[in-house]
Amino acid sequence: MKAELQIGRILKPRGLNGELKVQFYSSDSKRYAGLKYVIIDGRNCQVDHLSLSGEFAFIKLSGIDTVEKAEALRNREISAKREDLPSLEDGSFYIDDIIGLDVFSGENPVGCIYDVLQYGAADIYCVKSQEKTLSFPALKKLIKEVNLEENRMVLDETIFGQVVCIDDEN
């Protein structure tokens, strides 16, 4: 399991005092409201203030006190140590845990998850194999097992055949 997870991206500065507008990679950004530290470019950064506004957050980091310092962080990824993140309920996973999993339909290898698209009804997992790319919805009835220690996701092969979308243009 990964000790550090990507949780979002800095979009741009907000105001003149170094505040940052952030987009979290989560269907529930509230889970990050209590963060005390984040990691940017391998550096631990203390969170002085964090407020949520819809799907975005505004973060004030210690030592980032000008618009110029904030601008230098535009488009940077934000990570956090797993131990600093709240535990998720059974069957829920952080997106960064899902990306990179090897996918199997029953015992047959399908490929590796390279992206997770978030839409209202269900996340969409994007998978790349040597021959093709494909996608499928993250449905509880489809996903039989997620094993982070073994880096694998096992799908119900009957349901998978009904919901998979294949893009043969690699």
N, C-alpha and C. Protein backbone atom coordinates (compact mmCIF):
# COMPACT_ATOMS: atom_id res chain seq x y z
N MET A 1 0.83 -1.18 0.00
CA MET A 1 0.00 0.00 0.00
C MET A 1 0.88 1.25 0.00
N LYS A 2 0.42 2.26 -0.68
CA LYS A 2 1.17 3.51 -0.77
C LYS A 2 1.12 4.25 0.56
N ALA A 3 2.27 4.77 0.98
CA ALA A 3 2.33 5.53 2.24
C ALA A 3 1.92 6.99 2.02
N GLU A 4 2.01 7.45 0.78
CA GLU A 4 1.68 8.83 0.43
C GLU A 4 0.72 8.79 -0.76
N LEU A 5 -0.36 9.56 -0.67
CA LEU A 5 -1.38 9.55 -1.71
C LEU A 5 -1.59 10.93 -2.31
N GLN A 6 -1.72 10.99 -3.64
CA GLN A 6 -2.08 12.25 -4.28
C GLN A 6 -3.54 12.51 -3.95
N ILE A 7 -3.83 13.71 -3.47
CA ILE A 7 -5.20 14.01 -3.08
C ILE A 7 -5.79 15.19 -3.85
N GLY A 8 -4.97 15.91 -4.60
CA GLY A 8 -5.52 17.04 -5.33
C GLY A 8 -4.47 17.79 -6.12
N ARG A 9 -4.92 18.92 -6.70
CA ARG A 9 -4.06 19.75 -7.53
C ARG A 9 -4.35 21.21 -7.24
N ILE A 10 -3.29 22.00 -7.16
CA ILE A 10 -3.43 23.44 -6.96
C ILE A 10 -3.82 24.05 -8.30
N LEU A 11 -4.92 24.79 -8.30
CA LEU A 11 -5.39 25.41 -9.54
C LEU A 11 -4.77 26.77 -9.77
N LYS A 12 -4.84 27.64 -8.73
CA LYS A 12 -4.32 29.00 -8.89
C LYS A 12 -4.31 29.71 -7.54
N PRO A 13 -3.63 30.86 -7.48
CA PRO A 13 -3.70 31.66 -6.25
C PRO A 13 -5.09 32.28 -6.09
N ARG A 14 -5.41 32.61 -4.86
CA ARG A 14 -6.66 33.33 -4.57
C ARG A 14 -6.29 34.50 -3.68
N GLY A 15 -6.50 35.68 -4.16
CA GLY A 15 -6.19 36.88 -3.39
C GLY A 15 -4.69 37.18 -3.41
N LEU A 16 -4.28 38.09 -2.54
CA LEU A 16 -2.90 38.58 -2.53
C LEU A 16 -2.05 38.01 -1.40
N ASN A 17 -2.65 37.22 -0.50
CA ASN A 17 -1.93 36.76 0.69
C ASN A 17 -1.45 35.32 0.61
N GLY A 18 -1.42 34.74 -0.59
CA GLY A 18 -0.85 33.40 -0.75
C GLY A 18 -1.83 32.25 -0.62
N GLU A 19 -3.10 32.55 -0.53
CA GLU A 19 -4.08 31.47 -0.46
C GLU A 19 -4.15 30.74 -1.80
N LEU A 20 -4.44 29.44 -1.76
CA LEU A 20 -4.44 28.60 -2.96
C LEU A 20 -5.82 28.00 -3.20
N LYS A 21 -6.26 28.02 -4.45
CA LYS A 21 -7.48 27.33 -4.84
C LYS A 21 -7.08 25.92 -5.26
N VAL A 22 -7.73 24.91 -4.65
CA VAL A 22 -7.34 23.52 -4.84
C VAL A 22 -8.55 22.70 -5.28
N GLN A 23 -8.30 21.75 -6.17
CA GLN A 23 -9.32 20.77 -6.52
C GLN A 23 -8.87 19.43 -5.96
N PHE A 24 -9.68 18.88 -5.05
CA PHE A 24 -9.37 17.58 -4.46
C PHE A 24 -9.87 16.47 -5.37
N TYR A 25 -9.16 15.35 -5.37
CA TYR A 25 -9.56 14.16 -6.11
C TYR A 25 -10.42 13.31 -5.20
N SER A 26 -11.65 13.70 -5.02
CA SER A 26 -12.52 12.98 -4.11
C SER A 26 -13.98 13.32 -4.39
N SER A 27 -14.83 12.36 -4.16
CA SER A 27 -16.27 12.63 -4.25
C SER A 27 -16.77 13.31 -2.98
N ASP A 28 -15.92 13.35 -1.95
CA ASP A 28 -16.29 13.98 -0.68
C ASP A 28 -15.09 14.77 -0.15
N SER A 29 -14.97 16.01 -0.58
CA SER A 29 -13.84 16.84 -0.17
C SER A 29 -13.82 17.12 1.33
N LYS A 30 -14.95 16.95 1.99
CA LYS A 30 -15.01 17.21 3.44
C LYS A 30 -14.04 16.34 4.23
N ARG A 31 -13.67 15.19 3.66
CA ARG A 31 -12.77 14.29 4.39
C ARG A 31 -11.40 14.93 4.59
N TYR A 32 -11.07 15.97 3.82
CA TYR A 32 -9.77 16.62 3.93
C TYR A 32 -9.80 17.86 4.82
N ALA A 33 -10.96 18.19 5.36
CA ALA A 33 -11.11 19.43 6.14
C ALA A 33 -10.18 19.51 7.34
N GLY A 34 -9.79 18.40 7.91
CA GLY A 34 -8.95 18.41 9.11
C GLY A 34 -7.46 18.26 8.86
N LEU A 35 -7.04 18.32 7.59
CA LEU A 35 -5.61 18.15 7.29
C LEU A 35 -4.76 19.22 7.96
N LYS A 36 -3.69 18.79 8.58
CA LYS A 36 -2.73 19.72 9.20
C LYS A 36 -1.48 19.90 8.34
N TYR A 37 -1.17 18.88 7.51
CA TYR A 37 0.00 18.93 6.63
C TYR A 37 -0.35 18.36 5.27
N VAL A 38 0.24 18.92 4.23
CA VAL A 38 0.18 18.35 2.89
C VAL A 38 1.60 18.30 2.35
N ILE A 39 1.77 17.59 1.26
CA ILE A 39 3.09 17.45 0.66
C ILE A 39 3.03 18.01 -0.76
N ILE A 40 3.93 18.93 -1.06
CA ILE A 40 4.04 19.52 -2.39
C ILE A 40 5.50 19.44 -2.80
N ASP A 41 5.75 18.83 -3.95
CA ASP A 41 7.13 18.66 -4.45
C ASP A 41 8.04 18.00 -3.41
N GLY A 42 7.50 17.03 -2.68
CA GLY A 42 8.30 16.31 -1.69
C GLY A 42 8.50 17.03 -0.37
N ARG A 43 7.95 18.24 -0.24
CA ARG A 43 8.11 19.04 0.99
C ARG A 43 6.84 18.98 1.83
N ASN A 44 7.01 18.76 3.13
CA ASN A 44 5.88 18.87 4.05
C ASN A 44 5.52 20.33 4.23
N CYS A 45 4.26 20.65 4.08
CA CYS A 45 3.78 22.02 4.22
C CYS A 45 2.67 22.05 5.26
N GLN A 46 2.80 22.93 6.22
CA GLN A 46 1.79 23.05 7.27
C GLN A 46 0.58 23.80 6.73
N VAL A 47 -0.61 23.27 6.99
CA VAL A 47 -1.85 23.91 6.59
C VAL A 47 -2.28 24.84 7.71
N ASP A 48 -2.28 26.15 7.44
CA ASP A 48 -2.73 27.13 8.44
C ASP A 48 -4.25 27.25 8.46
N HIS A 49 -4.85 27.12 7.27
CA HIS A 49 -6.30 27.26 7.16
C HIS A 49 -6.77 26.51 5.91
N LEU A 50 -7.93 25.87 6.02
CA LEU A 50 -8.52 25.18 4.88
C LEU A 50 -10.03 25.38 4.94
N SER A 51 -10.59 25.91 3.85
CA SER A 51 -12.05 26.05 3.79
C SER A 51 -12.54 25.42 2.49
N LEU A 52 -13.74 24.87 2.56
CA LEU A 52 -14.33 24.19 1.41
C LEU A 52 -15.40 25.06 0.79
N SER A 53 -15.47 24.98 -0.55
CA SER A 53 -16.49 25.71 -1.29
C SER A 53 -16.90 24.85 -2.47
N GLY A 54 -17.98 24.09 -2.30
CA GLY A 54 -18.41 23.18 -3.36
C GLY A 54 -17.36 22.12 -3.60
N GLU A 55 -16.95 21.96 -4.85
CA GLU A 55 -15.95 20.95 -5.19
C GLU A 55 -14.52 21.46 -5.02
N PHE A 56 -14.36 22.69 -4.60
CA PHE A 56 -13.03 23.28 -4.44
C PHE A 56 -12.72 23.56 -2.97
N ALA A 57 -11.44 23.76 -2.69
CA ALA A 57 -11.01 24.15 -1.36
C ALA A 57 -10.07 25.34 -1.50
N PHE A 58 -9.97 26.10 -0.45
CA PHE A 58 -9.02 27.21 -0.38
C PHE A 58 -8.11 26.93 0.80
N ILE A 59 -6.82 26.88 0.51
CA ILE A 59 -5.84 26.49 1.51
C ILE A 59 -4.82 27.59 1.69
N LYS A 60 -4.51 27.88 2.95
CA LYS A 60 -3.44 28.80 3.29
C LYS A 60 -2.35 27.97 3.95
N LEU A 61 -1.16 27.98 3.34
CA LEU A 61 -0.02 27.22 3.85
C LEU A 61 0.95 28.14 4.57
N SER A 62 1.55 27.63 5.61
CA SER A 62 2.56 28.38 6.35
C SER A 62 3.73 28.71 5.41
N GLY A 63 4.14 29.97 5.40
CA GLY A 63 5.28 30.39 4.57
C GLY A 63 4.90 30.82 3.17
N ILE A 64 3.69 30.56 2.74
CA ILE A 64 3.22 31.03 1.43
C ILE A 64 2.33 32.23 1.72
N ASP A 65 2.94 33.42 1.64
CA ASP A 65 2.23 34.62 2.09
C ASP A 65 2.14 35.73 1.05
N THR A 66 2.49 35.41 -0.18
CA THR A 66 2.34 36.40 -1.27
C THR A 66 1.73 35.71 -2.48
N VAL A 67 1.15 36.51 -3.35
CA VAL A 67 0.57 35.96 -4.58
C VAL A 67 1.67 35.36 -5.45
N GLU A 68 2.87 35.89 -5.39
CA GLU A 68 3.98 35.37 -6.19
C GLU A 68 4.38 33.97 -5.73
N LYS A 69 4.46 33.78 -4.42
CA LYS A 69 4.79 32.44 -3.89
C LYS A 69 3.67 31.44 -4.22
N ALA A 70 2.44 31.90 -4.14
CA ALA A 70 1.31 31.04 -4.48
C ALA A 70 1.31 30.71 -5.97
N GLU A 71 1.60 31.67 -6.80
CA GLU A 71 1.65 31.46 -8.25
C GLU A 71 2.68 30.41 -8.63
N ALA A 72 3.78 30.36 -7.91
CA ALA A 72 4.84 29.38 -8.19
C ALA A 72 4.35 27.94 -7.94
N LEU A 73 3.24 27.78 -7.23
CA LEU A 73 2.70 26.45 -6.94
C LEU A 73 1.55 26.06 -7.88
N ARG A 74 1.22 26.92 -8.80
CA ARG A 74 0.11 26.64 -9.74
C ARG A 74 0.34 25.30 -10.44
N ASN A 75 -0.75 24.51 -10.54
CA ASN A 75 -0.77 23.20 -11.21
C ASN A 75 0.07 22.12 -10.54
N ARG A 76 0.54 22.34 -9.33
CA ARG A 76 1.30 21.31 -8.61
C ARG A 76 0.34 20.32 -7.97
N GLU A 77 0.77 19.09 -7.89
CA GLU A 77 -0.01 18.05 -7.22
C GLU A 77 0.18 18.18 -5.71
N ILE A 78 -0.88 17.85 -4.98
CA ILE A 78 -0.84 17.85 -3.52
C ILE A 78 -1.01 16.40 -3.06
N SER A 79 -0.15 15.99 -2.15
CA SER A 79 -0.23 14.65 -1.57
C SER A 79 -0.37 14.78 -0.06
N ALA A 80 -0.67 13.66 0.56
CA ALA A 80 -0.72 13.60 2.02
C ALA A 80 -0.29 12.21 2.44
N LYS A 81 0.27 12.13 3.64
CA LYS A 81 0.62 10.82 4.18
C LYS A 81 -0.66 10.08 4.53
N ARG A 82 -0.68 8.79 4.21
CA ARG A 82 -1.86 7.98 4.49
C ARG A 82 -2.28 8.11 5.95
N GLU A 83 -1.31 8.15 6.86
CA GLU A 83 -1.62 8.22 8.30
C GLU A 83 -2.32 9.53 8.68
N ASP A 84 -2.19 10.57 7.84
CA ASP A 84 -2.84 11.86 8.11
C ASP A 84 -4.24 11.94 7.51
N LEU A 85 -4.62 10.94 6.73
CA LEU A 85 -5.93 10.93 6.07
C LEU A 85 -6.91 10.10 6.88
N PRO A 86 -8.17 10.47 6.83
CA PRO A 86 -9.17 9.68 7.55
C PRO A 86 -9.34 8.30 6.92
N SER A 87 -9.69 7.32 7.73
CA SER A 87 -9.99 5.99 7.23
C SER A 87 -11.29 6.05 6.44
N LEU A 88 -11.36 5.20 5.42
CA LEU A 88 -12.57 5.13 4.61
C LEU A 88 -13.39 3.92 5.03
N GLU A 89 -14.67 3.96 4.75
CA GLU A 89 -15.52 2.81 5.07
C GLU A 89 -15.13 1.64 4.17
N ASP A 90 -15.45 0.43 4.61
CA ASP A 90 -15.13 -0.77 3.84
C ASP A 90 -15.70 -0.65 2.43
N GLY A 91 -14.90 -1.05 1.45
CA GLY A 91 -15.32 -1.00 0.06
C GLY A 91 -15.07 0.33 -0.61
N SER A 92 -14.55 1.32 0.12
CA SER A 92 -14.20 2.62 -0.45
C SER A 92 -12.68 2.75 -0.47
N PHE A 93 -12.17 3.43 -1.51
CA PHE A 93 -10.73 3.56 -1.68
C PHE A 93 -10.39 4.95 -2.17
N TYR A 94 -9.19 5.39 -1.84
CA TYR A 94 -8.69 6.63 -2.42
C TYR A 94 -8.34 6.38 -3.88
N ILE A 95 -8.59 7.35 -4.73
CA ILE A 95 -8.32 7.22 -6.17
C ILE A 95 -6.88 6.81 -6.42
N ASP A 96 -5.95 7.39 -5.67
CA ASP A 96 -4.53 7.08 -5.88
C ASP A 96 -4.22 5.62 -5.56
N ASP A 97 -5.04 4.98 -4.74
CA ASP A 97 -4.88 3.54 -4.48
C ASP A 97 -5.37 2.71 -5.67
N ILE A 98 -6.39 3.19 -6.35
CA ILE A 98 -6.98 2.46 -7.48
C ILE A 98 -6.09 2.53 -8.72
N ILE A 99 -5.53 3.72 -8.97
CA ILE A 99 -4.67 3.88 -10.15
C ILE A 99 -3.44 2.99 -9.99
N GLY A 100 -3.18 2.19 -11.02
CA GLY A 100 -2.05 1.28 -11.00
C GLY A 100 -2.42 -0.16 -10.68
N LEU A 101 -3.67 -0.40 -10.26
CA LEU A 101 -4.07 -1.78 -9.97
C LEU A 101 -4.15 -2.59 -11.26
N ASP A 102 -3.72 -3.85 -11.17
CA ASP A 102 -3.90 -4.80 -12.27
C ASP A 102 -5.32 -5.33 -12.18
N VAL A 103 -6.01 -5.36 -13.33
CA VAL A 103 -7.42 -5.75 -13.37
C VAL A 103 -7.54 -7.13 -14.01
N PHE A 104 -8.39 -7.96 -13.40
CA PHE A 104 -8.67 -9.30 -13.90
C PHE A 104 -10.17 -9.47 -14.04
N SER A 105 -10.58 -10.07 -15.14
CA SER A 105 -11.97 -10.48 -15.33
C SER A 105 -11.98 -11.97 -15.03
N GLY A 106 -12.47 -12.32 -13.85
CA GLY A 106 -12.29 -13.69 -13.36
C GLY A 106 -10.81 -13.93 -13.18
N GLU A 107 -10.24 -14.91 -13.87
CA GLU A 107 -8.80 -15.19 -13.79
C GLU A 107 -8.02 -14.58 -14.95
N ASN A 108 -8.74 -13.95 -15.89
CA ASN A 108 -8.10 -13.42 -17.10
C ASN A 108 -7.61 -12.00 -16.90
N PRO A 109 -6.31 -11.74 -17.17
CA PRO A 109 -5.80 -10.38 -17.04
C PRO A 109 -6.44 -9.45 -18.08
N VAL A 110 -6.79 -8.26 -17.64
CA VAL A 110 -7.42 -7.26 -18.52
C VAL A 110 -6.44 -6.14 -18.83
N GLY A 111 -5.73 -5.64 -17.83
CA GLY A 111 -4.81 -4.53 -18.00
C GLY A 111 -4.59 -3.83 -16.67
N CYS A 112 -4.16 -2.58 -16.76
CA CYS A 112 -3.81 -1.79 -15.57
C CYS A 112 -4.62 -0.48 -15.58
N ILE A 113 -5.19 -0.13 -14.43
CA ILE A 113 -5.96 1.12 -14.33
C ILE A 113 -4.99 2.30 -14.41
N TYR A 114 -5.27 3.21 -15.35
CA TYR A 114 -4.41 4.38 -15.52
C TYR A 114 -5.12 5.70 -15.19
N ASP A 115 -6.45 5.66 -15.05
CA ASP A 115 -7.17 6.89 -14.73
C ASP A 115 -8.52 6.53 -14.12
N VAL A 116 -9.04 7.45 -13.33
CA VAL A 116 -10.38 7.32 -12.77
C VAL A 116 -11.12 8.61 -13.10
N LEU A 117 -12.22 8.46 -13.83
CA LEU A 117 -13.05 9.60 -14.20
C LEU A 117 -14.22 9.65 -13.23
N GLN A 118 -14.50 10.84 -12.71
CA GLN A 118 -15.57 10.96 -11.73
C GLN A 118 -16.78 11.64 -12.36
N TYR A 119 -17.84 10.87 -12.46
CA TYR A 119 -19.13 11.36 -12.93
C TYR A 119 -20.12 11.11 -11.82
N GLY A 120 -21.29 11.71 -11.89
CA GLY A 120 -22.26 11.63 -10.81
C GLY A 120 -22.64 10.24 -10.35
N ALA A 121 -23.08 9.39 -11.26
CA ALA A 121 -23.63 8.09 -10.86
C ALA A 121 -22.56 7.12 -10.37
N ALA A 122 -21.45 7.03 -11.08
CA ALA A 122 -20.39 6.08 -10.70
C ALA A 122 -19.08 6.53 -11.32
N ASP A 123 -17.98 6.26 -10.61
CA ASP A 123 -16.67 6.52 -11.20
C ASP A 123 -16.48 5.58 -12.38
N ILE A 124 -15.64 6.00 -13.33
CA ILE A 124 -15.30 5.18 -14.48
C ILE A 124 -13.82 4.86 -14.39
N TYR A 125 -13.48 3.57 -14.41
CA TYR A 125 -12.09 3.14 -14.36
C TYR A 125 -11.60 2.94 -15.79
N CYS A 126 -10.48 3.58 -16.12
CA CYS A 126 -9.87 3.49 -17.45
C CYS A 126 -8.68 2.54 -17.35
N VAL A 127 -8.64 1.57 -18.26
CA VAL A 127 -7.66 0.50 -18.21
C VAL A 127 -6.91 0.43 -19.53
N LYS A 128 -5.62 0.20 -19.44
CA LYS A 128 -4.79 0.05 -20.63
C LYS A 128 -4.13 -1.32 -20.59
N SER A 129 -4.24 -2.02 -21.72
CA SER A 129 -3.50 -3.26 -21.89
C SER A 129 -2.55 -3.04 -23.07
N GLN A 130 -1.80 -4.06 -23.45
CA GLN A 130 -0.89 -3.89 -24.58
C GLN A 130 -1.64 -3.70 -25.88
N GLU A 131 -2.84 -4.26 -25.99
CA GLU A 131 -3.58 -4.22 -27.24
C GLU A 131 -4.59 -3.09 -27.34
N LYS A 132 -5.15 -2.66 -26.20
CA LYS A 132 -6.28 -1.74 -26.27
C LYS A 132 -6.43 -0.95 -24.97
N THR A 133 -7.31 0.03 -25.03
CA THR A 133 -7.75 0.72 -23.82
C THR A 133 -9.24 0.45 -23.68
N LEU A 134 -9.69 0.42 -22.45
CA LEU A 134 -11.11 0.17 -22.19
C LEU A 134 -11.51 0.86 -20.90
N SER A 135 -12.80 0.90 -20.66
CA SER A 135 -13.29 1.50 -19.42
C SER A 135 -14.51 0.74 -18.94
N PHE A 136 -14.77 0.88 -17.65
CA PHE A 136 -15.94 0.25 -17.04
C PHE A 136 -16.33 1.05 -15.81
N PRO A 137 -17.63 1.00 -15.46
CA PRO A 137 -18.08 1.74 -14.28
C PRO A 137 -17.71 1.00 -12.99
N ALA A 138 -17.49 1.76 -11.95
CA ALA A 138 -17.16 1.18 -10.64
C ALA A 138 -18.45 0.79 -9.94
N LEU A 139 -18.95 -0.38 -10.30
CA LEU A 139 -20.20 -0.89 -9.73
C LEU A 139 -19.89 -1.97 -8.70
N LYS A 140 -20.59 -1.93 -7.56
CA LYS A 140 -20.36 -2.92 -6.51
C LYS A 140 -20.61 -4.34 -6.99
N LYS A 141 -21.62 -4.52 -7.85
CA LYS A 141 -21.92 -5.86 -8.33
C LYS A 141 -20.88 -6.37 -9.33
N LEU A 142 -20.11 -5.46 -9.92
CA LEU A 142 -19.07 -5.84 -10.89
C LEU A 142 -17.75 -6.18 -10.19
N ILE A 143 -17.38 -5.38 -9.21
CA ILE A 143 -16.07 -5.53 -8.56
C ILE A 143 -16.18 -6.56 -7.44
N LYS A 144 -15.57 -7.72 -7.67
CA LYS A 144 -15.63 -8.81 -6.69
C LYS A 144 -14.59 -8.65 -5.60
N GLU A 145 -13.42 -8.09 -5.95
CA GLU A 145 -12.33 -7.98 -4.97
C GLU A 145 -11.40 -6.84 -5.34
N VAL A 146 -10.97 -6.09 -4.34
CA VAL A 146 -9.89 -5.12 -4.47
C VAL A 146 -8.87 -5.49 -3.40
N ASN A 147 -7.67 -5.83 -3.84
CA ASN A 147 -6.61 -6.22 -2.92
C ASN A 147 -5.42 -5.29 -3.14
N LEU A 148 -5.30 -4.29 -2.28
CA LEU A 148 -4.23 -3.30 -2.44
C LEU A 148 -2.86 -3.91 -2.19
N GLU A 149 -2.78 -4.88 -1.27
CA GLU A 149 -1.50 -5.50 -0.97
C GLU A 149 -0.96 -6.28 -2.16
N GLU A 150 -1.87 -6.92 -2.91
CA GLU A 150 -1.46 -7.69 -4.09
C GLU A 150 -1.59 -6.89 -5.38
N ASN A 151 -2.01 -5.62 -5.26
CA ASN A 151 -2.12 -4.70 -6.39
C ASN A 151 -3.06 -5.24 -7.48
N ARG A 152 -4.24 -5.73 -7.06
CA ARG A 152 -5.14 -6.31 -8.04
C ARG A 152 -6.60 -6.03 -7.75
N MET A 153 -7.37 -5.99 -8.82
CA MET A 153 -8.82 -5.86 -8.77
C MET A 153 -9.39 -7.00 -9.60
N VAL A 154 -10.34 -7.73 -9.03
CA VAL A 154 -10.96 -8.85 -9.73
C VAL A 154 -12.43 -8.49 -10.00
N LEU A 155 -12.83 -8.67 -11.27
CA LEU A 155 -14.19 -8.33 -11.70
C LEU A 155 -15.00 -9.59 -11.98
N ASP A 156 -16.31 -9.48 -11.84
CA ASP A 156 -17.21 -10.55 -12.24
C ASP A 156 -17.21 -10.59 -13.76
N GLU A 157 -16.76 -11.69 -14.34
CA GLU A 157 -16.56 -11.75 -15.79
C GLU A 157 -17.87 -11.66 -16.58
N THR A 158 -18.97 -12.12 -16.03
CA THR A 158 -20.25 -12.04 -16.73
C THR A 158 -20.72 -10.59 -16.83
N ILE A 159 -20.67 -9.89 -15.71
CA ILE A 159 -21.10 -8.49 -15.70
C ILE A 159 -20.12 -7.63 -16.49
N PHE A 160 -18.82 -7.91 -16.36
CA PHE A 160 -17.80 -7.15 -17.09
C PHE A 160 -18.09 -7.15 -18.59
N GLY A 161 -18.44 -8.29 -19.15
CA GLY A 161 -18.74 -8.39 -20.57
C GLY A 161 -19.92 -7.54 -20.98
N GLN A 162 -20.80 -7.22 -20.05
CA GLN A 162 -22.00 -6.43 -20.34
C GLN A 162 -21.77 -4.93 -20.24
N VAL A 163 -20.76 -4.51 -19.46
CA VAL A 163 -20.61 -3.07 -19.19
C VAL A 163 -19.32 -2.46 -19.75
N VAL A 164 -18.38 -3.29 -20.22
CA VAL A 164 -17.10 -2.77 -20.68
C VAL A 164 -17.28 -1.95 -21.96
N CYS A 165 -16.52 -0.89 -22.07
CA CYS A 165 -16.47 -0.07 -23.28
C CYS A 165 -15.03 -0.17 -23.80
N ILE A 166 -14.86 -0.67 -25.04
CA ILE A 166 -13.53 -0.90 -25.59
C ILE A 166 -13.21 0.15 -26.64
N ASP A 167 -12.01 0.71 -26.53
CA ASP A 167 -11.49 1.66 -27.51
C ASP A 167 -10.31 0.99 -28.18
N ASP A 168 -10.52 0.44 -29.37
CA ASP A 168 -9.46 -0.30 -30.07
C ASP A 168 -8.37 0.59 -30.62
N GLU A 169 -8.62 1.89 -30.69
CA GLU A 169 -7.61 2.82 -31.21
C GLU A 169 -6.63 3.13 -30.10
N ASN A 170 -5.52 2.46 -30.06
CA ASN A 170 -4.54 2.64 -28.98
C ASN A 170 -3.73 3.84 -29.19
